[in-house]
Amino acid sequence: MSLTRNVITGLLGVGIVSAGALALDNTVRNDAGEIVEAGELGVFSLRVGDCVRDLVGTEYEVSEGQGVPCSEAHNYEVFYETFFQDYSIFEINRVAEDVCQAPFESYVGIPYEESRYFITFLTPTAQSYEEGDREVTCLLHNELKTVEFGSARNSRE
């Protein structure tokens, strides 16, 4: 499988990002799957609830990030993931914004429009799509993508 994926940065801007190693996860997780010790975390290894800092790459391409406990400084938090087996790559990219916005309230505790957080989402590139990638990963961040401490889950912010 190709290790390349797209990411749409925020609901108003668009960027393209490449993903990291398919199974890269050098973090230490507890029995609940939460990161308890920081480590390299490939974009394909992200899980709901993961907090990530320092995405590696350019403005348009990343390969991995530093997965950290949410109590530590981080820029992004994964709040939803889904797969679209019967969608074309163009359909996935078109519906990803709505797909990510819908579960936002149940994760954060307030509607997206009332929150201080913004949404970024990862989608397949043409190459990874051809190799079977159908995943959309939804992340939240603050307006400037500066560091946060603590999880946004049920924060009502």
Protein backbone atom coordinates (compact mmCIF):
# COMPACT_ATOMS: atom_id res chain seq x y z
CA MET A 1 0.00 0.00 0.00
CA SER A 2 1.22 3.50 -0.76
CA LEU A 3 1.89 5.67 2.22
CA THR A 4 0.50 8.84 0.70
CA ARG A 5 -2.72 10.59 1.76
CA ASN A 6 -4.38 13.99 1.34
CA VAL A 7 -5.33 16.25 4.17
CA ILE A 8 -7.73 19.13 4.02
CA THR A 9 -6.58 21.82 6.39
CA GLY A 10 -9.47 23.50 8.14
CA LEU A 11 -12.93 23.99 6.76
CA LEU A 12 -11.93 27.01 4.72
CA GLY A 13 -8.49 26.09 3.43
CA VAL A 14 -7.26 23.17 1.38
CA GLY A 15 -3.88 21.47 1.51
CA ILE A 16 -2.44 18.12 0.52
CA VAL A 17 -0.53 15.92 2.94
CA SER A 18 1.29 12.63 2.58
CA ALA A 19 1.10 9.99 5.26
CA GLY A 20 3.74 8.07 7.11
CA ALA A 21 4.54 4.43 7.55
CA LEU A 22 1.52 2.20 7.50
CA ALA A 23 2.10 0.59 10.88
CA LEU A 24 4.48 3.10 12.49
CA ASP A 25 3.54 3.45 16.16
CA ASN A 26 6.44 3.81 18.56
CA THR A 27 4.21 5.19 21.30
CA VAL A 28 3.43 3.27 24.48
CA ARG A 29 -0.29 2.77 25.06
CA ASN A 30 -2.21 1.65 28.14
CA ASP A 31 -4.85 -1.10 28.14
CA ALA A 32 -7.46 1.45 27.00
CA GLY A 33 -5.33 2.32 23.95
CA GLU A 34 -4.38 5.79 25.20
CA ILE A 35 -0.87 7.04 24.56
CA VAL A 36 1.05 7.11 27.85
CA GLU A 37 4.56 7.61 26.44
CA ALA A 38 5.43 9.71 23.40
CA GLY A 39 6.76 8.20 20.20
CA GLU A 40 6.68 8.41 16.43
CA LEU A 41 3.20 7.82 15.06
CA GLY A 42 2.51 7.28 11.36
CA VAL A 43 -0.59 8.92 9.94
CA PHE A 44 -2.12 5.51 9.19
CA SER A 45 -1.71 4.48 12.85
CA LEU A 46 -3.74 7.34 14.29
CA ARG A 47 -6.63 6.39 16.58
CA VAL A 48 -9.54 8.38 17.96
CA GLY A 49 -8.33 10.18 21.07
CA ASP A 50 -4.67 10.37 19.96
CA CYS A 51 -2.91 13.69 20.49
CA VAL A 52 -0.16 14.57 18.02
CA ARG A 53 2.51 17.24 17.76
CA ASP A 54 5.15 18.10 15.24
CA LEU A 55 3.75 16.61 12.05
CA VAL A 56 6.76 15.81 9.87
CA GLY A 57 6.72 17.17 6.33
CA THR A 58 5.93 20.26 4.36
CA GLU A 59 2.86 22.46 4.26
CA TYR A 60 1.29 19.92 1.91
CA GLU A 61 2.91 16.63 2.82
CA VAL A 62 3.46 14.87 6.15
CA SER A 63 4.66 11.39 6.94
CA GLU A 64 4.17 11.11 10.69
CA GLY A 65 3.89 12.99 13.93
CA GLN A 66 4.91 12.71 17.51
CA GLY A 67 2.13 10.88 19.36
CA VAL A 68 1.96 12.15 22.94
CA PRO A 69 -0.25 11.81 25.98
CA CYS A 70 -2.93 14.49 25.69
CA SER A 71 -1.68 16.05 28.95
CA GLU A 72 1.51 17.01 27.07
CA ALA A 73 1.88 19.78 24.48
CA HIS A 74 0.25 18.84 21.16
CA ASN A 75 -1.20 20.53 18.08
CA TYR A 76 -3.81 18.01 16.89
CA GLU A 77 -6.26 15.53 18.37
CA VAL A 78 -7.96 12.74 16.43
CA PHE A 79 -11.71 12.79 17.08
CA TYR A 80 -13.20 10.56 14.38
CA GLU A 81 -12.28 8.02 11.71
CA THR A 82 -14.36 6.32 9.04
CA PHE A 83 -14.00 4.36 5.79
CA PHE A 84 -15.80 4.81 2.44
CA GLN A 85 -15.55 1.55 0.53
CA ASP A 86 -18.05 2.44 -2.20
CA TYR A 87 -16.96 6.04 -2.86
CA SER A 88 -14.66 7.39 -5.55
CA ILE A 89 -11.70 9.47 -4.42
CA PHE A 90 -13.54 12.59 -5.56
CA GLU A 91 -16.63 11.66 -3.52
CA ILE A 92 -14.50 11.01 -0.43
CA ASN A 93 -12.83 14.40 -0.69
CA ARG A 94 -16.18 16.10 -1.33
CA VAL A 95 -17.99 14.60 1.68
CA ALA A 96 -15.07 14.59 4.16
CA GLU A 97 -15.90 18.03 5.59
CA ASP A 98 -19.48 17.04 6.44
CA VAL A 99 -18.33 13.64 7.67
CA CYS A 100 -15.95 15.28 10.15
CA GLN A 101 -18.30 18.03 11.23
CA ALA A 102 -21.14 15.65 12.16
CA PRO A 103 -19.37 13.79 15.05
CA PHE A 104 -17.61 16.89 16.34
CA GLU A 105 -20.31 17.78 18.90
CA SER A 106 -20.44 14.32 20.43
CA TYR A 107 -16.64 14.39 20.92
CA VAL A 108 -16.15 17.97 22.15
CA GLY A 109 -19.54 18.44 23.80
CA ILE A 110 -20.73 21.53 21.92
CA PRO A 111 -21.61 22.25 18.27
CA TYR A 112 -18.72 23.00 15.93
CA GLU A 113 -20.02 26.52 15.30
CA GLU A 114 -19.75 27.33 19.03
CA SER A 115 -16.33 25.76 19.55
CA ARG A 116 -12.93 27.37 19.56
CA TYR A 117 -11.55 24.38 17.64
CA PHE A 118 -11.11 23.94 13.90
CA ILE A 119 -11.19 20.73 11.84
CA THR A 120 -8.52 19.16 9.64
CA PHE A 121 -9.06 15.86 7.89
CA LEU A 122 -6.93 13.33 6.05
CA THR A 123 -8.19 11.65 2.89
CA PRO A 124 -6.61 9.29 0.34
CA THR A 125 -4.39 10.55 -2.43
CA ALA A 126 -4.96 9.16 -5.92
CA GLN A 127 -2.09 6.72 -5.43
CA SER A 128 -3.15 5.45 -1.99
CA TYR A 129 -6.76 5.23 -3.19
CA GLU A 130 -5.66 2.98 -6.05
CA GLU A 131 -3.99 0.76 -3.44
CA GLY A 132 -7.14 0.49 -1.30
CA ASP A 133 -7.00 3.50 1.06
CA ARG A 134 -10.55 4.68 1.82
CA GLU A 135 -10.06 6.20 5.26
CA VAL A 136 -10.99 9.68 6.43
CA THR A 137 -9.32 10.75 9.69
CA CYS A 138 -10.71 13.85 11.43
CA LEU A 139 -8.47 15.96 13.66
CA LEU A 140 -9.13 19.12 15.60
CA HIS A 141 -6.77 21.98 16.40
CA ASN A 142 -6.89 25.55 17.64
CA GLU A 143 -7.00 28.46 15.21
CA LEU A 144 -3.23 28.89 14.95
CA LYS A 145 -2.36 25.20 15.33
CA THR A 146 -0.32 26.13 18.38
CA VAL A 147 0.13 23.75 21.30
CA GLU A 148 -2.67 22.63 23.57
CA PHE A 149 -2.56 20.75 26.85
CA GLY A 150 -5.29 18.28 27.73
CA SER A 151 -7.87 16.55 25.61
CA ALA A 152 -10.67 18.34 23.80
CA ARG A 153 -12.93 15.33 24.47
CA ASN A 154 -15.97 16.56 26.44
CA SER A 155 -14.20 19.90 27.02
CA ARG A 156 -17.22 21.93 25.85
CA GLU A 157 -14.79 24.47 24.35
